[in-house]
Amino acid sequence: VGSALVVVLVVAVFPTRTYLDQRDEIAS
């Protein structure tokens, strides 16, 4: 379960944060 959580964080959360930051920067 811990490994699955780490994989989910690496695959989904971190790229999503980067995507949202880039989207805000593009809008500005």
PDB file of all heavy atoms in Angstrom:
ATOM      1  N   VAL A   1       0.841  -1.202   0.000  1.00  0.00           N
ATOM      2  CA  VAL A   1       0.000   0.000   0.000  1.00  0.00           C
ATOM      3  C   VAL A   1       0.874   1.249   0.000  1.00  0.00           C
ATOM      4  O   VAL A   1       0.614   2.225  -0.710  1.00  0.00           O
ATOM      5  CB  VAL A   1      -0.976  -0.016   1.200  1.00  0.00           C
ATOM      6  CG1 VAL A   1      -1.664   1.326   1.372  1.00  0.00           C
ATOM      7  CG2 VAL A   1      -1.990  -1.137   1.034  1.00  0.00           C
ATOM      8  N   GLY A   2       1.943   1.229   0.778  1.00  0.00           N
ATOM      9  CA  GLY A   2       2.867   2.370   0.815  1.00  0.00           C
ATOM     10  C   GLY A   2       3.516   2.595  -0.535  1.00  0.00           C
ATOM     11  O   GLY A   2       3.636   3.732  -1.013  1.00  0.00           O
ATOM     12  N   SER A   3       3.924   1.525  -1.158  1.00  0.00           N
ATOM     13  CA  SER A   3       4.531   1.640  -2.485  1.00  0.00           C
ATOM     14  C   SER A   3       3.522   2.147  -3.497  1.00  0.00           C
ATOM     15  O   SER A   3       3.851   2.979  -4.354  1.00  0.00           O
ATOM     16  CB  SER A   3       5.074   0.284  -2.940  1.00  0.00           C
ATOM     17  OG  SER A   3       6.059  -0.160  -2.060  1.00  0.00           O
ATOM     18  N   ALA A   4       2.296   1.650  -3.423  1.00  0.00           N
ATOM     19  CA  ALA A   4       1.256   2.112  -4.339  1.00  0.00           C
ATOM     20  C   ALA A   4       0.992   3.599  -4.135  1.00  0.00           C
ATOM     21  O   ALA A   4       0.803   4.359  -5.105  1.00  0.00           O
ATOM     22  CB  ALA A   4      -0.016   1.304  -4.133  1.00  0.00           C
ATOM     23  N   LEU A   5       1.003   4.048  -2.894  1.00  0.00           N
ATOM     24  CA  LEU A   5       0.790   5.465  -2.608  1.00  0.00           C
ATOM     25  C   LEU A   5       1.923   6.315  -3.187  1.00  0.00           C
ATOM     26  O   LEU A   5       1.677   7.381  -3.768  1.00  0.00           O
ATOM     27  CB  LEU A   5       0.670   5.672  -1.093  1.00  0.00           C
ATOM     28  CG  LEU A   5       0.376   7.101  -0.636  1.00  0.00           C
ATOM     29  CD1 LEU A   5      -0.970   7.566  -1.177  1.00  0.00           C
ATOM     30  CD2 LEU A   5       0.393   7.171   0.874  1.00  0.00           C
ATOM     31  N   VAL A   6       3.145   5.872  -3.035  1.00  0.00           N
ATOM     32  CA  VAL A   6       4.290   6.593  -3.592  1.00  0.00           C
ATOM     33  C   VAL A   6       4.184   6.651  -5.115  1.00  0.00           C
ATOM     34  O   VAL A   6       4.431   7.700  -5.729  1.00  0.00           O
ATOM     35  CB  VAL A   6       5.615   5.942  -3.144  1.00  0.00           C
ATOM     36  CG1 VAL A   6       6.789   6.481  -3.930  1.00  0.00           C
ATOM     37  CG2 VAL A   6       5.820   6.143  -1.659  1.00  0.00           C
ATOM     38  N   VAL A   7       3.800   5.556  -5.720  1.00  0.00           N
ATOM     39  CA  VAL A   7       3.654   5.525  -7.175  1.00  0.00           C
ATOM     40  C   VAL A   7       2.559   6.492  -7.615  1.00  0.00           C
ATOM     41  O   VAL A   7       2.721   7.236  -8.589  1.00  0.00           O
ATOM     42  CB  VAL A   7       3.368   4.083  -7.666  1.00  0.00           C
ATOM     43  CG1 VAL A   7       2.930   4.080  -9.126  1.00  0.00           C
ATOM     44  CG2 VAL A   7       4.589   3.215  -7.466  1.00  0.00           C
ATOM     45  N   VAL A   8       1.440   6.537  -6.894  1.00  0.00           N
ATOM     46  CA  VAL A   8       0.355   7.455  -7.233  1.00  0.00           C
ATOM     47  C   VAL A   8       0.832   8.896  -7.104  1.00  0.00           C
ATOM     48  O   VAL A   8       0.541   9.744  -7.947  1.00  0.00           O
ATOM     49  CB  VAL A   8      -0.889   7.187  -6.356  1.00  0.00           C
ATOM     50  CG1 VAL A   8      -1.892   8.318  -6.456  1.00  0.00           C
ATOM     51  CG2 VAL A   8      -1.531   5.870  -6.752  1.00  0.00           C
ATOM     52  N   LEU A   9       1.568   9.181  -6.044  1.00  0.00           N
ATOM     53  CA  LEU A   9       2.093  10.542  -5.866  1.00  0.00           C
ATOM     54  C   LEU A   9       3.030  10.925  -6.998  1.00  0.00           C
ATOM     55  O   LEU A   9       2.957  12.027  -7.543  1.00  0.00           O
ATOM     56  CB  LEU A   9       2.823  10.658  -4.519  1.00  0.00           C
ATOM     57  CG  LEU A   9       1.958  10.748  -3.272  1.00  0.00           C
ATOM     58  CD1 LEU A   9       2.833  10.743  -2.037  1.00  0.00           C
ATOM     59  CD2 LEU A   9       1.100  11.997  -3.309  1.00  0.00           C
ATOM     60  N   VAL A  10       3.928  10.034  -7.335  1.00  0.00           N
ATOM     61  CA  VAL A  10       4.904  10.334  -8.387  1.00  0.00           C
ATOM     62  C   VAL A  10       4.231  10.464  -9.739  1.00  0.00           C
ATOM     63  O   VAL A  10       4.541  11.356 -10.520  1.00  0.00           O
ATOM     64  CB  VAL A  10       6.005   9.252  -8.413  1.00  0.00           C
ATOM     65  CG1 VAL A  10       6.869   9.373  -9.640  1.00  0.00           C
ATOM     66  CG2 VAL A  10       6.849   9.328  -7.156  1.00  0.00           C
ATOM     67  N   VAL A  11       3.273   9.587 -10.028  1.00  0.00           N
ATOM     68  CA  VAL A  11       2.650   9.567 -11.346  1.00  0.00           C
ATOM     69  C   VAL A  11       1.569  10.632 -11.496  1.00  0.00           C
ATOM     70  O   VAL A  11       1.443  11.243 -12.554  1.00  0.00           O
ATOM     71  CB  VAL A  11       2.078   8.156 -11.637  1.00  0.00           C
ATOM     72  CG1 VAL A  11       1.237   8.138 -12.895  1.00  0.00           C
ATOM     73  CG2 VAL A  11       3.203   7.157 -11.734  1.00  0.00           C
ATOM     74  N   ALA A  12       0.816  10.932 -10.444  1.00  0.00           N
ATOM     75  CA  ALA A  12      -0.347  11.799 -10.608  1.00  0.00           C
ATOM     76  C   ALA A  12      -0.193  13.171  -9.954  1.00  0.00           C
ATOM     77  O   ALA A  12      -0.451  14.189 -10.592  1.00  0.00           O
ATOM     78  CB  ALA A  12      -1.580  11.097 -10.038  1.00  0.00           C
ATOM     79  N   VAL A  13       0.208  13.236  -8.710  1.00  0.00           N
ATOM     80  CA  VAL A  13       0.150  14.495  -7.971  1.00  0.00           C
ATOM     81  C   VAL A  13       1.227  15.465  -8.420  1.00  0.00           C
ATOM     82  O   VAL A  13       0.935  16.630  -8.699  1.00  0.00           O
ATOM     83  CB  VAL A  13       0.246  14.221  -6.452  1.00  0.00           C
ATOM     84  CG1 VAL A  13       0.333  15.517  -5.678  1.00  0.00           C
ATOM     85  CG2 VAL A  13      -0.960  13.419  -6.003  1.00  0.00           C
ATOM     86  N   PHE A  14       2.462  15.055  -8.493  1.00  0.00           N
ATOM     87  CA  PHE A  14       3.531  15.977  -8.836  1.00  0.00           C
ATOM     88  C   PHE A  14       3.388  16.544 -10.252  1.00  0.00           C
ATOM     89  O   PHE A  14       3.520  17.767 -10.443  1.00  0.00           O
ATOM     90  CB  PHE A  14       4.892  15.330  -8.624  1.00  0.00           C
ATOM     91  CG  PHE A  14       5.168  14.980  -7.192  1.00  0.00           C
ATOM     92  CD1 PHE A  14       5.678  13.748  -6.842  1.00  0.00           C
ATOM     93  CD2 PHE A  14       4.918  15.891  -6.172  1.00  0.00           C
ATOM     94  CE1 PHE A  14       5.935  13.425  -5.518  1.00  0.00           C
ATOM     95  CE2 PHE A  14       5.168  15.576  -4.847  1.00  0.00           C
ATOM     96  CZ  PHE A  14       5.675  14.338  -4.518  1.00  0.00           C
ATOM     97  N   PRO A  15       3.089  15.745 -11.256  1.00  0.00           N
ATOM     98  CA  PRO A  15       2.867  16.327 -12.583  1.00  0.00           C
ATOM     99  C   PRO A  15       1.634  17.239 -12.619  1.00  0.00           C
ATOM    100  O   PRO A  15       1.620  18.241 -13.337  1.00  0.00           O
ATOM    101  CB  PRO A  15       2.676  15.121 -13.501  1.00  0.00           C
ATOM    102  CG  PRO A  15       3.347  14.002 -12.803  1.00  0.00           C
ATOM    103  CD  PRO A  15       3.162  14.284 -11.346  1.00  0.00           C
ATOM    104  N   THR A  16       0.629  16.909 -11.814  1.00  0.00           N
ATOM    105  CA  THR A  16      -0.562  17.759 -11.789  1.00  0.00           C
ATOM    106  C   THR A  16      -0.224  19.117 -11.212  1.00  0.00           C
ATOM    107  O   THR A  16      -0.667  20.147 -11.733  1.00  0.00           O
ATOM    108  CB  THR A  16      -1.673  17.085 -10.957  1.00  0.00           C
ATOM    109  OG1 THR A  16      -1.947  15.804 -11.508  1.00  0.00           O
ATOM    110  CG2 THR A  16      -2.925  17.921 -10.953  1.00  0.00           C
ATOM    111  N   ARG A  17       0.575  19.166 -10.159  1.00  0.00           N
ATOM    112  CA  ARG A  17       1.000  20.451  -9.599  1.00  0.00           C
ATOM    113  C   ARG A  17       1.785  21.258 -10.618  1.00  0.00           C
ATOM    114  O   ARG A  17       1.580  22.457 -10.779  1.00  0.00           O
ATOM    115  CB  ARG A  17       1.870  20.216  -8.360  1.00  0.00           C
ATOM    116  CG  ARG A  17       1.130  20.418  -7.073  1.00  0.00           C
ATOM    117  CD  ARG A  17       2.021  20.271  -5.885  1.00  0.00           C
ATOM    118  NE  ARG A  17       2.901  21.421  -5.734  1.00  0.00           N
ATOM    119  CZ  ARG A  17       3.984  21.422  -4.990  1.00  0.00           C
ATOM    120  NH1 ARG A  17       4.351  20.329  -4.361  1.00  0.00           N
ATOM    121  NH2 ARG A  17       4.716  22.490  -4.862  1.00  0.00           N
ATOM    122  N   THR A  18       2.683  20.592 -11.301  1.00  0.00           N
ATOM    123  CA  THR A  18       3.475  21.274 -12.323  1.00  0.00           C
ATOM    124  C   THR A  18       2.570  21.797 -13.427  1.00  0.00           C
ATOM    125  O   THR A  18       2.732  22.935 -13.887  1.00  0.00           O
ATOM    126  CB  THR A  18       4.520  20.305 -12.905  1.00  0.00           C
ATOM    127  OG1 THR A  18       5.320  19.801 -11.844  1.00  0.00           O
ATOM    128  CG2 THR A  18       5.400  21.002 -13.910  1.00  0.00           C
ATOM    129  N   TYR A  19       1.612  20.994 -13.836  1.00  0.00           N
ATOM    130  CA  TYR A  19       0.676  21.416 -14.876  1.00  0.00           C
ATOM    131  C   TYR A  19      -0.118  22.631 -14.438  1.00  0.00           C
ATOM    132  O   TYR A  19      -0.279  23.597 -15.186  1.00  0.00           O
ATOM    133  CB  TYR A  19      -0.269  20.261 -15.228  1.00  0.00           C
ATOM    134  CG  TYR A  19      -1.433  20.681 -16.087  1.00  0.00           C
ATOM    135  CD1 TYR A  19      -1.257  20.950 -17.445  1.00  0.00           C
ATOM    136  CD2 TYR A  19      -2.705  20.831 -15.544  1.00  0.00           C
ATOM    137  CE1 TYR A  19      -2.318  21.353 -18.223  1.00  0.00           C
ATOM    138  CE2 TYR A  19      -3.769  21.236 -16.317  1.00  0.00           C
ATOM    139  CZ  TYR A  19      -3.571  21.492 -17.662  1.00  0.00           C
ATOM    140  OH  TYR A  19      -4.629  21.901 -18.421  1.00  0.00           O
ATOM    141  N   LEU A  20      -0.624  22.627 -13.196  1.00  0.00           N
ATOM    142  CA  LEU A  20      -1.410  23.765 -12.708  1.00  0.00           C
ATOM    143  C   LEU A  20      -0.560  25.025 -12.584  1.00  0.00           C
ATOM    144  O   LEU A  20      -1.006  26.125 -12.922  1.00  0.00           O
ATOM    145  CB  LEU A  20      -2.057  23.418 -11.366  1.00  0.00           C
ATOM    146  CG  LEU A  20      -3.126  22.319 -11.417  1.00  0.00           C
ATOM    147  CD1 LEU A  20      -3.599  21.982 -10.011  1.00  0.00           C
ATOM    148  CD2 LEU A  20      -4.286  22.736 -12.296  1.00  0.00           C
ATOM    149  N   ASP A  21       0.681  24.876 -12.130  1.00  0.00           N
ATOM    150  CA  ASP A  21       1.585  26.026 -12.048  1.00  0.00           C
ATOM    151  C   ASP A  21       1.867  26.602 -13.436  1.00  0.00           C
ATOM    152  O   ASP A  21       1.856  27.821 -13.633  1.00  0.00           O
ATOM    153  CB  ASP A  21       2.902  25.634 -11.374  1.00  0.00           C
ATOM    154  CG  ASP A  21       2.744  25.352  -9.893  1.00  0.00           C
ATOM    155  OD1 ASP A  21       1.714  25.778  -9.308  1.00  0.00           O
ATOM    156  OD2 ASP A  21       3.644  24.701  -9.321  1.00  0.00           O
ATOM    157  N   GLN A  22       2.105  25.728 -14.388  1.00  0.00           N
ATOM    158  CA  GLN A  22       2.359  26.186 -15.751  1.00  0.00           C
ATOM    159  C   GLN A  22       1.123  26.853 -16.349  1.00  0.00           C
ATOM    160  O   GLN A  22       1.240  27.845 -17.061  1.00  0.00           O
ATOM    161  CB  GLN A  22       2.806  25.012 -16.627  1.00  0.00           C
ATOM    162  CG  GLN A  22       4.201  24.531 -16.322  1.00  0.00           C
ATOM    163  CD  GLN A  22       4.561  23.295 -17.119  1.00  0.00           C
ATOM    164  OE1 GLN A  22       3.723  22.682 -17.778  1.00  0.00           O
ATOM    165  NE2 GLN A  22       5.833  22.905 -17.044  1.00  0.00           N
ATOM    166  N   ARG A  23      -0.045  26.322 -16.048  1.00  0.00           N
ATOM    167  CA  ARG A  23      -1.271  26.919 -16.563  1.00  0.00           C
ATOM    168  C   ARG A  23      -1.467  28.331 -16.005  1.00  0.00           C
ATOM    169  O   ARG A  23      -1.817  29.251 -16.749  1.00  0.00           O
ATOM    170  CB  ARG A  23      -2.461  26.025 -16.200  1.00  0.00           C
ATOM    171  CG  ARG A  23      -3.746  26.448 -16.884  1.00  0.00           C
ATOM    172  CD  ARG A  23      -4.868  25.537 -16.532  1.00  0.00           C
ATOM    173  NE  ARG A  23      -5.153  25.704 -15.102  1.00  0.00           N
ATOM    174  CZ  ARG A  23      -6.144  25.120 -14.467  1.00  0.00           C
ATOM    175  NH1 ARG A  23      -6.937  24.300 -15.098  1.00  0.00           N
ATOM    176  NH2 ARG A  23      -6.343  25.330 -13.187  1.00  0.00           N
ATOM    177  N   ASP A  24      -1.206  28.515 -14.718  1.00  0.00           N
ATOM    178  CA  ASP A  24      -1.311  29.849 -14.121  1.00  0.00           C
ATOM    179  C   ASP A  24      -0.287  30.805 -14.723  1.00  0.00           C
ATOM    180  O   ASP A  24      -0.580  31.972 -14.992  1.00  0.00           O
ATOM    181  CB  ASP A  24      -1.117  29.771 -12.607  1.00  0.00           C
ATOM    182  CG  ASP A  24      -2.259  29.058 -11.912  1.00  0.00           C
ATOM    183  OD1 ASP A  24      -3.344  28.938 -12.519  1.00  0.00           O
ATOM    184  OD2 ASP A  24      -2.056  28.616 -10.758  1.00  0.00           O
ATOM    185  N   GLU A  25       0.922  30.304 -14.936  1.00  0.00           N
ATOM    186  CA  GLU A  25       1.966  31.144 -15.531  1.00  0.00           C
ATOM    187  C   GLU A  25       1.602  31.538 -16.962  1.00  0.00           C
ATOM    188  O   GLU A  25       1.815  32.688 -17.366  1.00  0.00           O
ATOM    189  CB  GLU A  25       3.295  30.385 -15.507  1.00  0.00           C
ATOM    190  CG  GLU A  25       4.474  31.227 -15.933  1.00  0.00           C
ATOM    191  CD  GLU A  25       5.786  30.470 -15.782  1.00  0.00           C
ATOM    192  OE1 GLU A  25       5.900  29.622 -14.880  1.00  0.00           O
ATOM    193  OE2 GLU A  25       6.690  30.748 -16.578  1.00  0.00           O
ATOM    194  N   ILE A  26       1.032  30.610 -17.722  1.00  0.00           N
ATOM    195  CA  ILE A  26       0.613  30.915 -19.093  1.00  0.00           C
ATOM    196  C   ILE A  26      -0.481  31.970 -19.087  1.00  0.00           C
ATOM    197  O   ILE A  26      -0.459  32.906 -19.896  1.00  0.00           O
ATOM    198  CB  ILE A  26       0.150  29.626 -19.810  1.00  0.00           C
ATOM    199  CG1 ILE A  26       1.351  28.752 -20.133  1.00  0.00           C
ATOM    200  CG2 ILE A  26      -0.620  29.952 -21.084  1.00  0.00           C
ATOM    201  CD1 ILE A  26       0.990  27.373 -20.630  1.00  0.00           C
ATOM    202  N   ALA A  27      -1.422  31.871 -18.165  1.00  0.00           N
ATOM    203  CA  ALA A  27      -2.506  32.860 -18.093  1.00  0.00           C
ATOM    204  C   ALA A  27      -1.956  34.241 -17.765  1.00  0.00           C
ATOM    205  O   ALA A  27      -2.363  35.240 -18.368  1.00  0.00           O
ATOM    206  CB  ALA A  27      -3.531  32.430 -17.045  1.00  0.00           C
ATOM    207  N   SER A  28      -1.009  34.321 -16.831  1.00  0.00           N
ATOM    208  CA  SER A  28      -0.458  35.631 -16.495  1.00  0.00           C
ATOM    209  C   SER A  28       0.361  36.203 -17.649  1.00  0.00           C
ATOM    210  O   SER A  28       0.319  37.405 -17.913  1.00  0.00           O
ATOM    211  CB  SER A  28       0.390  35.546 -15.227  1.00  0.00           C
ATOM    212  OG  SER A  28       1.553  34.791 -15.458  1.00  0.00           O
TER     213      SER A  28
END
